[in-house]
N, C-alpha and C. Protein backbone atom coordinates (compact mmCIF):
# COMPACT_ATOMS: atom_id res chain seq x y z
N MET A 1 11.02 -7.18 5.21
CA MET A 1 11.14 -6.26 5.23
C MET A 1 9.38 -5.50 4.72
N ILE A 2 8.89 -4.62 4.99
CA ILE A 2 7.79 -4.34 4.41
C ILE A 2 7.99 -2.90 4.09
N LEU A 3 7.44 -2.28 2.53
CA LEU A 3 7.65 -0.66 2.61
C LEU A 3 6.25 -0.39 1.99
N LEU A 4 6.09 0.24 3.17
CA LEU A 4 4.37 1.04 2.84
C LEU A 4 4.39 2.57 1.85
N ASP A 5 3.44 2.39 1.18
CA ASP A 5 3.48 3.56 -0.47
C ASP A 5 3.42 4.69 0.41
N GLU A 6 3.35 5.89 0.04
CA GLU A 6 3.15 7.30 0.14
C GLU A 6 1.69 7.57 0.55
N ASN A 7 0.74 6.80 -0.34
CA ASN A 7 -0.64 6.53 -0.23
C ASN A 7 -1.25 5.87 1.34
N ILE A 8 -0.32 5.14 1.85
CA ILE A 8 -1.18 4.31 2.49
C ILE A 8 -0.79 4.98 4.39
N PRO A 9 -2.11 4.60 5.09
CA PRO A 9 -1.83 5.63 6.42
C PRO A 9 -0.53 4.64 7.22
N HIS A 10 -0.08 5.64 7.75
CA HIS A 10 1.18 5.24 8.86
C HIS A 10 0.80 4.19 9.90
N ASN A 11 -0.49 4.41 10.16
CA ASN A 11 -1.05 3.38 11.33
C ASN A 11 -1.12 2.10 11.30
N LEU A 12 -1.16 1.91 9.65
CA LEU A 12 -0.99 0.36 9.41
C LEU A 12 0.47 0.05 9.81
N ARG A 13 1.96 0.87 9.98
CA ARG A 13 2.99 0.58 10.20
C ARG A 13 3.19 -0.14 11.60
N TRP A 14 2.26 0.75 12.54
CA TRP A 14 1.88 -0.02 13.69
C TRP A 14 0.92 -0.67 13.88
N ALA A 15 0.05 -1.12 12.86
CA ALA A 15 -0.87 -2.77 13.02
C ALA A 15 0.09 -4.01 12.82
N LEU A 16 1.19 -3.64 11.88
CA LEU A 16 1.57 -4.42 11.58
C LEU A 16 3.00 -4.54 12.37
N SER A 17 2.64 -4.92 13.55
CA SER A 17 4.01 -4.12 14.97
C SER A 17 5.01 -5.84 14.65
N GLY A 18 4.33 -6.88 14.02
CA GLY A 18 5.17 -8.22 13.79
C GLY A 18 6.17 -8.02 13.05
N PHE A 19 6.02 -7.43 12.18
CA PHE A 19 6.97 -7.07 10.94
C PHE A 19 7.69 -5.84 10.78
N ASP A 20 8.86 -6.06 9.93
CA ASP A 20 10.01 -4.65 9.79
C ASP A 20 9.46 -4.11 8.98
N ALA A 21 8.54 -3.04 9.45
CA ALA A 21 7.74 -2.17 8.05
C ALA A 21 8.10 -0.51 8.05
N VAL A 22 8.26 -0.12 7.38
CA VAL A 22 9.00 1.46 6.79
C VAL A 22 7.94 1.89 6.35
N THR A 23 7.89 3.37 5.98
CA THR A 23 7.13 4.32 5.04
C THR A 23 8.28 4.43 4.14
N VAL A 24 7.86 5.15 2.90
CA VAL A 24 8.54 5.44 2.21
C VAL A 24 8.78 6.69 2.21
N GLN A 25 8.04 7.36 2.76
CA GLN A 25 8.67 8.98 3.39
C GLN A 25 9.75 8.72 4.23
N TYR A 26 9.90 7.58 5.35
CA TYR A 26 11.15 7.39 6.21
C TYR A 26 12.12 7.08 5.49
N ARG A 27 12.15 6.30 4.54
CA ARG A 27 13.35 5.88 3.79
C ARG A 27 13.90 7.50 2.97
N GLY A 28 13.13 8.30 2.73
CA GLY A 28 13.68 9.66 2.19
C GLY A 28 13.43 9.09 0.23
N TRP A 29 12.24 8.34 0.21
CA TRP A 29 11.92 8.19 -1.38
C TRP A 29 10.81 8.59 -1.99
N SER A 30 10.43 9.56 -1.08
CA SER A 30 8.81 10.29 -1.65
C SER A 30 9.55 10.98 -2.81
N GLY A 31 8.45 10.73 -3.82
CA GLY A 31 8.49 11.24 -5.53
C GLY A 31 8.81 10.35 -6.02
N LEU A 32 9.57 9.19 -5.61
CA LEU A 32 10.38 8.34 -6.76
C LEU A 32 8.78 7.64 -7.29
N LYS A 33 8.44 7.79 -8.50
CA LYS A 33 7.52 6.91 -9.20
C LYS A 33 7.81 5.47 -9.23
N ASN A 34 6.64 4.58 -9.87
CA ASN A 34 6.61 3.25 -9.55
C ASN A 34 7.55 2.53 -9.74
N GLY A 35 8.31 2.63 -10.67
CA GLY A 35 9.43 1.53 -11.34
C GLY A 35 10.42 1.93 -10.46
N GLU A 36 10.78 3.72 -10.26
CA GLU A 36 11.93 3.54 -9.75
C GLU A 36 11.76 2.74 -8.32
N LEU A 37 11.05 3.28 -7.86
CA LEU A 37 10.08 2.59 -6.17
C LEU A 37 10.45 1.43 -6.01
N LEU A 38 10.13 0.64 -6.79
CA LEU A 38 10.07 -0.94 -6.83
C LEU A 38 11.55 -1.19 -7.70
N ASP A 39 12.38 -0.67 -7.90
CA ASP A 39 13.84 -0.91 -8.03
C ASP A 39 14.35 -0.83 -6.54
N ALA A 40 14.44 0.73 -6.02
CA ALA A 40 15.06 0.85 -5.06
C ALA A 40 14.71 -0.43 -4.03
N ALA A 41 13.06 -0.30 -3.84
CA ALA A 41 12.65 -1.03 -2.79
C ALA A 41 13.37 -3.12 -2.57
N GLU A 42 13.50 -3.03 -3.88
CA GLU A 42 14.15 -4.29 -4.00
C GLU A 42 15.65 -4.27 -3.77
N PHE A 43 16.26 -3.35 -4.58
CA PHE A 43 17.65 -3.17 -4.02
C PHE A 43 18.08 -2.83 -2.50
N ALA A 44 17.34 -2.35 -1.88
CA ALA A 44 17.20 -2.44 -0.57
C ALA A 44 16.92 -3.55 0.59
N GLY A 45 16.46 -4.58 -0.06
CA GLY A 45 16.06 -5.77 0.05
C GLY A 45 14.54 -6.00 1.27
N PHE A 46 13.80 -5.20 0.74
CA PHE A 46 12.59 -4.91 0.74
C PHE A 46 12.03 -6.19 0.09
N THR A 47 10.80 -7.00 0.78
CA THR A 47 10.26 -8.02 0.12
C THR A 47 8.69 -8.20 0.08
N VAL A 48 8.26 -6.94 0.49
CA VAL A 48 6.97 -6.61 0.27
C VAL A 48 6.41 -5.23 0.61
N PHE A 49 5.77 -4.70 -0.78
CA PHE A 49 5.29 -3.76 -1.02
C PHE A 49 3.93 -3.33 -0.86
N ILE A 50 3.21 -2.36 0.08
CA ILE A 50 1.89 -2.34 0.16
C ILE A 50 1.73 -0.69 0.12
N THR A 51 0.81 -0.77 -1.19
CA THR A 51 0.12 0.28 -1.77
C THR A 51 -1.28 0.09 -1.80
N GLY A 52 -1.73 1.34 -2.14
CA GLY A 52 -3.00 1.80 -2.63
C GLY A 52 -3.19 2.04 -4.00
N ASP A 53 -2.17 2.08 -4.44
CA ASP A 53 -2.18 2.57 -5.91
C ASP A 53 -2.82 1.21 -6.80
N LYS A 54 -4.04 1.35 -7.98
CA LYS A 54 -4.96 1.03 -7.85
C LYS A 54 -4.79 0.53 -9.54
N THR A 55 -3.78 0.83 -10.19
CA THR A 55 -3.55 0.82 -11.57
C THR A 55 -1.95 0.42 -11.19
N LEU A 56 -1.19 0.05 -10.57
CA LEU A 56 0.40 -0.57 -10.50
C LEU A 56 0.32 -2.03 -11.02
N GLU A 57 -0.45 -2.67 -11.34
CA GLU A 57 -0.38 -4.05 -11.83
C GLU A 57 0.02 -3.71 -13.40
N TYR A 58 -1.36 -2.76 -13.73
CA TYR A 58 -1.47 -2.35 -15.39
C TYR A 58 -0.29 -1.48 -15.76
N GLU A 59 0.07 -0.74 -14.93
CA GLU A 59 1.12 0.41 -15.45
C GLU A 59 2.62 -0.32 -15.30
N GLN A 60 3.08 -1.47 -14.30
CA GLN A 60 4.11 -1.71 -14.23
C GLN A 60 4.03 -3.22 -14.99
N ASN A 61 5.71 -3.73 -15.58
CA ASN A 61 5.59 -4.97 -15.84
C ASN A 61 6.22 -6.00 -14.43
N LEU A 62 5.20 -6.51 -13.45
CA LEU A 62 5.59 -6.95 -12.30
C LEU A 62 6.20 -8.07 -12.65
N SER A 63 5.99 -8.83 -13.39
CA SER A 63 6.86 -9.83 -13.81
C SER A 63 8.46 -9.82 -13.82
N GLU A 64 9.03 -8.43 -13.92
CA GLU A 64 10.60 -8.27 -14.13
C GLU A 64 10.99 -8.01 -12.18
N HIS A 65 10.16 -8.28 -11.48
CA HIS A 65 10.16 -7.48 -9.91
C HIS A 65 10.18 -8.93 -9.79
N LYS A 66 11.23 -9.15 -8.06
CA LYS A 66 10.91 -9.59 -6.78
C LYS A 66 9.79 -9.69 -5.77
N ILE A 67 9.80 -8.17 -6.01
CA ILE A 67 9.18 -7.99 -4.69
C ILE A 67 7.74 -8.22 -4.43
N ALA A 68 7.13 -8.64 -3.44
CA ALA A 68 5.76 -8.93 -3.33
C ALA A 68 4.68 -7.62 -3.46
N ILE A 69 3.31 -7.67 -3.92
CA ILE A 69 2.97 -6.40 -4.05
C ILE A 69 1.72 -6.51 -3.16
N ILE A 70 1.35 -6.10 -2.82
CA ILE A 70 0.04 -6.09 -1.85
C ILE A 70 -1.02 -4.65 -2.39
N SER A 71 -2.11 -4.79 -2.40
CA SER A 71 -2.86 -3.78 -3.12
C SER A 71 -3.64 -3.59 -2.26
N LEU A 72 -4.22 -2.39 -1.76
CA LEU A 72 -5.59 -1.98 -1.08
C LEU A 72 -6.14 -0.94 -1.59
N SER A 73 -7.62 -1.62 -1.25
CA SER A 73 -8.83 -0.86 -2.98
C SER A 73 -8.89 0.33 -1.93
N ALA A 74 -8.46 0.78 -1.00
CA ALA A 74 -8.61 2.22 -0.48
C ALA A 74 -7.72 2.46 0.58
N PRO A 75 -6.86 3.32 0.53
CA PRO A 75 -5.80 3.57 1.45
C PRO A 75 -6.10 4.44 2.57
N HIS A 76 -7.56 4.23 3.07
CA HIS A 76 -7.57 4.99 4.24
C HIS A 76 -7.70 4.49 5.38
N TRP A 77 -7.52 4.82 6.71
CA TRP A 77 -7.22 4.39 7.66
C TRP A 77 -8.84 3.86 8.35
N PRO A 78 -9.83 4.78 8.44
CA PRO A 78 -10.73 4.18 8.72
C PRO A 78 -11.44 2.93 7.94
N LEU A 79 -11.08 2.60 6.92
CA LEU A 79 -11.65 1.06 6.25
C LEU A 79 -10.53 0.52 6.25
N VAL A 80 -9.24 0.54 6.06
CA VAL A 80 -7.98 -0.20 6.14
C VAL A 80 -8.06 -0.83 8.16
N LYS A 81 -8.11 -0.27 8.66
CA LYS A 81 -7.93 -0.89 10.23
C LYS A 81 -9.30 -2.08 10.38
N ASN A 82 -10.00 -1.91 9.63
CA ASN A 82 -11.00 -3.23 9.50
C ASN A 82 -10.60 -4.13 8.73
N HIS A 83 -9.66 -4.23 8.35
CA HIS A 83 -8.62 -5.05 7.10
C HIS A 83 -7.43 -5.63 8.29
N VAL A 84 -6.92 -5.12 8.91
CA VAL A 84 -5.38 -5.51 9.47
C VAL A 84 -5.23 -6.84 9.26
N VAL A 85 -6.22 -7.87 10.11
CA VAL A 85 -5.70 -9.15 10.05
C VAL A 85 -5.81 -9.90 8.50
N GLU A 86 -6.30 -9.35 7.45
CA GLU A 86 -6.37 -9.94 6.10
C GLU A 86 -4.79 -9.30 5.55
N ILE A 87 -4.35 -8.42 5.68
CA ILE A 87 -3.42 -7.87 5.13
C ILE A 87 -2.44 -8.31 5.97
N THR A 88 -2.44 -8.69 7.16
CA THR A 88 -1.13 -9.46 8.07
C THR A 88 -0.99 -10.66 6.94
N GLU A 89 -2.18 -11.55 7.05
CA GLU A 89 -2.39 -12.77 6.56
C GLU A 89 -1.54 -12.70 5.23
N ALA A 90 -2.15 -11.91 4.28
CA ALA A 90 -1.60 -11.45 3.25
C ALA A 90 -0.21 -11.46 3.20
N VAL A 91 0.53 -10.83 4.28
CA VAL A 91 2.19 -10.07 4.07
C VAL A 91 2.75 -11.81 4.47
N SER A 92 1.99 -12.36 5.15
CA SER A 92 2.48 -13.46 5.61
C SER A 92 2.84 -14.62 4.39
N LYS A 93 1.58 -14.41 4.02
CA LYS A 93 1.96 -15.70 2.32
C LYS A 93 2.24 -15.40 1.05
N ALA A 94 2.82 -13.75 1.56
CA ALA A 94 3.41 -12.80 0.00
C ALA A 94 4.80 -13.54 -0.51
N ARG A 95 4.83 -14.03 -1.28
CA ARG A 95 5.72 -14.84 -2.73
C ARG A 95 6.64 -13.63 -2.85
N PRO A 96 7.91 -13.57 -3.57
CA PRO A 96 8.61 -12.93 -4.49
C PRO A 96 7.48 -13.13 -5.89
N GLY A 97 7.32 -11.85 -6.05
CA GLY A 97 6.81 -11.40 -7.54
C GLY A 97 5.31 -11.66 -7.53
N SER A 98 4.54 -12.04 -6.30
CA SER A 98 3.01 -12.42 -6.36
C SER A 98 2.68 -10.75 -6.11
N PHE A 99 1.59 -10.31 -6.42
CA PHE A 99 0.53 -9.63 -6.11
C PHE A 99 -0.61 -10.23 -5.63
N THR A 100 -1.07 -9.19 -4.87
CA THR A 100 -2.33 -9.50 -4.07
C THR A 100 -3.25 -8.42 -3.63
N ARG A 101 -4.52 -8.32 -4.37
CA ARG A 101 -5.22 -7.26 -4.04
C ARG A 101 -6.42 -7.46 -2.95
N ILE A 102 -6.33 -6.60 -1.78
CA ILE A 102 -7.41 -6.50 -0.67
C ILE A 102 -8.53 -5.89 -0.89
N ASP A 103 -9.50 -5.99 -1.06
CA ASP A 103 -10.82 -5.43 -1.02
C ASP A 103 -11.08 -4.44 0.16
N CYS A 104 -10.46 -3.55 0.45
CA CYS A 104 -10.66 -2.58 2.07
C CYS A 104 -12.16 -1.84 2.13
N GLY A 105 -12.91 -1.94 0.88
CA GLY A 105 -14.23 -1.07 0.61
C GLY A 105 -13.68 0.04 -0.11
N ARG A 106 -14.58 1.13 -0.35
CA ARG A 106 -14.36 2.44 -1.18
C ARG A 106 -14.36 3.29 0.00
N PHE A 107 -13.54 4.53 0.00
CA PHE A 107 -14.09 5.52 0.44
C PHE A 107 -14.85 6.69 -0.54
N VAL A 108 -15.54 7.23 0.12
CA VAL A 108 -16.48 8.07 -0.70
C VAL A 108 -16.53 9.40 -0.12
N ARG A 109 -16.14 10.03 -0.24
CA ARG A 109 -16.13 11.81 -0.04
C ARG A 109 -17.57 12.20 -0.23
N MET A 110 -17.78 12.91 1.62
CA MET A 110 -19.54 13.29 1.76
C MET A 110 -19.32 15.15 0.81
N ARG A 111 -20.33 15.01 -0.45
CA ARG A 111 -20.36 16.50 -0.29
C ARG A 111 -21.13 17.05 0.12
N SER A 112 -20.32 18.37 0.29
CA SER A 112 -21.22 19.07 1.31
C SER A 112 -22.51 19.52 0.42
N ARG A 113 -23.47 20.25 1.30
CA ARG A 113 -24.97 20.40 0.63
C ARG A 113 -24.81 22.27 0.54
N PRO A 114 -25.47 22.39 -0.69
CA PRO A 114 -25.41 24.20 -0.84
C PRO A 114 -26.00 24.35 0.24
N ASP A 115 -25.58 25.86 0.72
CA ASP A 115 -26.87 26.62 1.44
C ASP A 115 -28.08 26.30 0.90
N SER A 116 -28.93 26.35 1.94
CA SER A 116 -30.47 26.72 1.14
C SER A 116 -30.53 28.40 1.60
N PRO A 117 -31.64 28.78 0.54
CA PRO A 117 -31.80 30.02 0.22
C PRO A 117 -32.36 30.64 1.52
N ALA A 118 -31.92 31.55 2.16
CA ALA A 118 -32.75 32.03 3.69
C ALA A 118 -34.20 32.44 3.26
């Protein structure tokens, strides 16, 4: 079973249709912090956690967890959709306690240009 973090686009759930994937929101776990969320996920039987949190591996002692973690560099669907095959392969190869980072590119928000003087 795959758990998608709050910051992951829900479209990824449909793209992973060959797997049993649910969102943190669906489980009612919105707002749980990373350590609590990983504990709840493992207790509920999830085997893979997909997140866009770039600092999770530094903030948590992942050796204490059996859940496999896949971290996406940019959790924005326009970027993620181009890496569904790579994400699917990572899910298939995930092992208990493993950590995999997938580079989906980088989302850059366009700055609006200031109005030019009239």
